[in-house]
């Protein structure tokens, strides 16, 4: 299973260098869903979804993180932990 962060607006995936890539194979693989969720929440990265990606895509799980506050979220160039 791969744990990825996907931008909802265009379906691109967060890459290791903080850019957004069209192919999931280029996406940063988080250690766990907890790590991905914490990264997004602490970095105020919203309007994305954490994707639990399985070999058979029928079993993929999507956890959306939408901005519900008035101060705005961002889904642009977050800084990944080293």
N, C-alpha and C. Protein backbone atom coordinates (compact mmCIF):
# COMPACT_ATOMS: atom_id res chain seq x y z
N UNK A 1 0.85 -1.19 0.00
CA UNK A 1 0.00 0.00 0.00
C UNK A 1 0.89 1.24 0.00
N UNK A 2 0.51 2.22 -0.81
CA UNK A 2 1.18 3.52 -0.84
C UNK A 2 0.26 4.56 -0.21
N UNK A 3 0.85 5.51 0.49
CA UNK A 3 0.10 6.61 1.09
C UNK A 3 0.57 7.89 0.41
N UNK A 4 -0.35 8.55 -0.30
CA UNK A 4 -0.04 9.73 -1.10
C UNK A 4 -0.96 10.88 -0.74
N UNK A 5 -0.56 12.09 -1.13
CA UNK A 5 -1.42 13.27 -1.00
C UNK A 5 -1.75 13.73 -2.41
N UNK A 6 -3.05 13.87 -2.69
CA UNK A 6 -3.51 14.24 -4.02
C UNK A 6 -4.31 15.53 -3.96
N UNK A 7 -4.01 16.47 -4.84
CA UNK A 7 -4.75 17.71 -4.93
C UNK A 7 -6.09 17.42 -5.60
N UNK A 8 -7.18 17.80 -4.94
CA UNK A 8 -8.52 17.48 -5.43
C UNK A 8 -8.82 18.20 -6.74
N UNK A 9 -8.41 19.44 -6.87
CA UNK A 9 -8.77 20.27 -8.03
C UNK A 9 -8.34 19.66 -9.36
N UNK A 10 -7.14 19.09 -9.40
CA UNK A 10 -6.65 18.59 -10.70
C UNK A 10 -6.14 17.15 -10.65
N UNK A 11 -6.21 16.51 -9.50
CA UNK A 11 -5.81 15.11 -9.40
C UNK A 11 -4.31 14.87 -9.33
N UNK A 12 -3.52 15.94 -9.24
CA UNK A 12 -2.07 15.75 -9.18
C UNK A 12 -1.63 15.32 -7.78
N UNK A 13 -0.43 14.74 -7.71
CA UNK A 13 0.09 14.17 -6.46
C UNK A 13 1.28 14.97 -5.97
N UNK A 14 1.38 15.12 -4.67
CA UNK A 14 2.49 15.81 -4.05
C UNK A 14 3.77 14.99 -4.21
N UNK A 15 4.79 15.59 -4.81
CA UNK A 15 6.07 14.92 -5.03
C UNK A 15 7.03 15.25 -3.90
N UNK A 16 8.13 14.52 -3.85
CA UNK A 16 9.12 14.69 -2.80
C UNK A 16 9.77 16.06 -2.75
N UNK A 17 9.79 16.77 -3.87
CA UNK A 17 10.40 18.10 -3.90
C UNK A 17 9.38 19.21 -3.67
N UNK A 18 8.14 18.84 -3.31
CA UNK A 18 7.11 19.83 -3.00
C UNK A 18 6.33 20.30 -4.21
N UNK A 19 6.62 19.76 -5.38
CA UNK A 19 5.84 20.10 -6.58
C UNK A 19 4.67 19.13 -6.70
N UNK A 20 3.81 19.38 -7.66
CA UNK A 20 2.66 18.51 -7.91
C UNK A 20 2.86 17.80 -9.24
N UNK A 21 2.70 16.49 -9.25
CA UNK A 21 2.93 15.66 -10.42
C UNK A 21 1.66 14.94 -10.84
N UNK A 22 1.48 14.76 -12.13
CA UNK A 22 0.28 14.09 -12.66
C UNK A 22 0.24 12.59 -12.34
N UNK A 23 1.39 11.95 -12.32
CA UNK A 23 1.46 10.50 -12.13
C UNK A 23 1.65 10.14 -10.66
N UNK A 24 0.84 9.21 -10.18
CA UNK A 24 0.97 8.80 -8.77
C UNK A 24 2.33 8.18 -8.49
N UNK A 25 2.96 7.58 -9.49
CA UNK A 25 4.27 6.97 -9.32
C UNK A 25 5.35 7.98 -8.95
N UNK A 26 5.10 9.26 -9.25
CA UNK A 26 6.05 10.32 -8.91
C UNK A 26 5.72 10.98 -7.58
N UNK A 27 4.65 10.52 -6.93
CA UNK A 27 4.23 11.13 -5.67
C UNK A 27 5.07 10.69 -4.49
N UNK A 28 5.17 11.56 -3.50
CA UNK A 28 5.88 11.24 -2.26
C UNK A 28 5.09 10.19 -1.49
N UNK A 29 5.76 9.14 -1.07
CA UNK A 29 5.12 8.08 -0.29
C UNK A 29 5.36 8.34 1.19
N UNK A 30 4.26 8.59 1.88
CA UNK A 30 4.35 8.82 3.32
C UNK A 30 4.45 7.49 4.03
N UNK A 31 5.05 7.53 5.21
CA UNK A 31 5.25 6.33 6.02
C UNK A 31 3.92 5.70 6.43
N UNK A 32 2.92 6.54 6.70
CA UNK A 32 1.61 6.05 7.12
C UNK A 32 0.57 7.12 6.82
N UNK A 33 -0.68 6.74 6.92
CA UNK A 33 -1.75 7.72 6.72
C UNK A 33 -1.71 8.78 7.81
N UNK A 34 -1.32 8.39 9.01
CA UNK A 34 -1.20 9.34 10.11
C UNK A 34 -0.16 10.42 9.79
N UNK A 35 0.98 10.00 9.23
CA UNK A 35 2.02 10.97 8.85
C UNK A 35 1.50 11.92 7.78
N UNK A 36 0.79 11.41 6.80
CA UNK A 36 0.26 12.26 5.72
C UNK A 36 -0.78 13.24 6.25
N UNK A 37 -1.67 12.77 7.11
CA UNK A 37 -2.70 13.64 7.68
C UNK A 37 -2.07 14.73 8.54
N UNK A 38 -1.11 14.34 9.36
CA UNK A 38 -0.43 15.32 10.22
C UNK A 38 0.31 16.35 9.37
N UNK A 39 1.00 15.91 8.33
CA UNK A 39 1.71 16.82 7.44
C UNK A 39 0.76 17.85 6.85
N UNK A 40 -0.38 17.40 6.36
CA UNK A 40 -1.35 18.31 5.74
C UNK A 40 -1.95 19.28 6.76
N UNK A 41 -2.34 18.77 7.90
CA UNK A 41 -2.96 19.63 8.92
C UNK A 41 -1.98 20.63 9.50
N UNK A 42 -0.78 20.18 9.84
CA UNK A 42 0.20 21.09 10.42
C UNK A 42 0.72 22.10 9.41
N UNK A 43 0.76 21.71 8.12
CA UNK A 43 1.24 22.60 7.08
C UNK A 43 0.13 23.41 6.42
N UNK A 44 -1.10 23.27 6.96
CA UNK A 44 -2.27 23.97 6.41
C UNK A 44 -2.44 23.69 4.92
N UNK A 45 -2.26 22.44 4.54
CA UNK A 45 -2.45 22.01 3.16
C UNK A 45 -3.84 21.39 3.07
N UNK A 46 -4.76 22.11 2.45
CA UNK A 46 -6.14 21.65 2.37
C UNK A 46 -6.58 21.54 0.91
N UNK A 47 -7.81 21.12 0.72
CA UNK A 47 -8.35 20.85 -0.61
C UNK A 47 -7.52 19.77 -1.30
N UNK A 48 -7.10 18.80 -0.48
CA UNK A 48 -6.37 17.63 -0.95
C UNK A 48 -7.05 16.40 -0.36
N UNK A 49 -6.58 15.25 -0.80
CA UNK A 49 -7.04 14.02 -0.16
C UNK A 49 -5.84 13.11 0.04
N UNK A 50 -5.85 12.44 1.17
CA UNK A 50 -4.85 11.42 1.43
C UNK A 50 -5.37 10.15 0.76
N UNK A 51 -4.54 9.55 -0.06
CA UNK A 51 -4.94 8.36 -0.81
C UNK A 51 -4.18 7.16 -0.27
N UNK A 52 -4.93 6.16 0.15
CA UNK A 52 -4.35 4.86 0.49
C UNK A 52 -4.48 4.03 -0.77
N UNK A 53 -3.38 3.89 -1.48
CA UNK A 53 -3.39 3.30 -2.81
C UNK A 53 -2.93 1.85 -2.77
N UNK A 54 -3.78 0.97 -3.26
CA UNK A 54 -3.49 -0.46 -3.29
C UNK A 54 -3.21 -0.91 -4.71
N UNK A 55 -2.61 -2.08 -4.86
CA UNK A 55 -2.34 -2.61 -6.20
C UNK A 55 -3.61 -2.66 -7.03
N UNK A 56 -4.68 -3.11 -6.44
CA UNK A 56 -5.98 -3.14 -7.11
C UNK A 56 -6.72 -1.86 -6.71
N UNK A 57 -6.87 -0.94 -7.64
CA UNK A 57 -7.43 0.39 -7.34
C UNK A 57 -8.87 0.32 -6.82
N UNK A 58 -9.53 -0.80 -6.97
CA UNK A 58 -10.88 -0.92 -6.41
C UNK A 58 -10.88 -0.78 -4.89
N UNK A 59 -9.73 -1.02 -4.28
CA UNK A 59 -9.63 -0.98 -2.83
C UNK A 59 -9.05 0.33 -2.30
N UNK A 60 -8.74 1.27 -3.19
CA UNK A 60 -8.18 2.55 -2.75
C UNK A 60 -9.14 3.25 -1.80
N UNK A 61 -8.56 3.96 -0.84
CA UNK A 61 -9.34 4.73 0.15
C UNK A 61 -8.92 6.18 0.04
N UNK A 62 -9.91 7.09 0.03
CA UNK A 62 -9.66 8.52 -0.12
C UNK A 62 -10.15 9.25 1.12
N UNK A 63 -9.26 10.04 1.73
CA UNK A 63 -9.59 10.80 2.93
C UNK A 63 -9.46 12.29 2.60
N UNK A 64 -10.57 12.96 2.25
CA UNK A 64 -10.49 14.36 1.84
C UNK A 64 -10.22 15.30 3.02
N UNK A 65 -9.42 16.32 2.76
CA UNK A 65 -9.11 17.37 3.73
C UNK A 65 -9.47 18.70 3.08
N UNK A 66 -10.62 19.20 3.43
CA UNK A 66 -11.09 20.46 2.84
C UNK A 66 -10.98 21.57 3.85
N UNK A 67 -10.71 22.77 3.35
CA UNK A 67 -10.59 23.94 4.21
C UNK A 67 -11.99 24.42 4.60
N UNK A 68 -12.24 24.46 5.89
CA UNK A 68 -13.54 24.94 6.37
C UNK A 68 -13.40 26.21 7.19
N UNK A 69 -12.16 26.75 7.27
CA UNK A 69 -11.96 27.97 8.03
C UNK A 69 -11.98 29.18 7.11
N UNK A 70 -12.12 30.34 7.69
CA UNK A 70 -12.18 31.56 6.89
C UNK A 70 -10.79 32.12 6.59
N UNK A 71 -9.73 31.54 7.19
CA UNK A 71 -8.39 32.09 6.97
C UNK A 71 -7.71 31.50 5.74
N UNK A 72 -8.36 30.59 5.04
CA UNK A 72 -7.82 30.05 3.79
C UNK A 72 -6.81 28.95 4.01
N UNK A 73 -6.86 27.96 3.15
CA UNK A 73 -5.89 26.89 3.17
C UNK A 73 -5.02 27.01 1.93
N UNK A 74 -4.07 26.13 1.79
CA UNK A 74 -3.26 26.18 0.59
C UNK A 74 -2.96 24.77 0.12
N UNK A 75 -2.82 24.63 -1.15
CA UNK A 75 -2.42 23.36 -1.74
C UNK A 75 -1.29 23.63 -2.73
N UNK A 76 -0.37 24.50 -2.32
CA UNK A 76 0.72 24.89 -3.21
C UNK A 76 2.06 24.72 -2.50
N UNK A 77 2.99 24.08 -3.16
CA UNK A 77 4.38 23.96 -2.74
C UNK A 77 4.62 23.82 -1.25
N UNK A 78 4.04 22.82 -0.58
CA UNK A 78 4.34 22.59 0.82
C UNK A 78 5.77 22.06 0.96
N UNK A 79 6.33 22.20 2.14
CA UNK A 79 7.69 21.71 2.41
C UNK A 79 7.60 20.35 3.08
N UNK A 80 8.16 19.36 2.42
CA UNK A 80 8.15 18.00 2.96
C UNK A 80 9.26 17.82 3.98
N UNK A 81 9.02 16.99 4.99
CA UNK A 81 10.08 16.71 5.96
C UNK A 81 11.20 15.94 5.30
N UNK A 82 12.43 16.13 5.77
CA UNK A 82 13.58 15.43 5.19
C UNK A 82 13.65 14.01 5.69
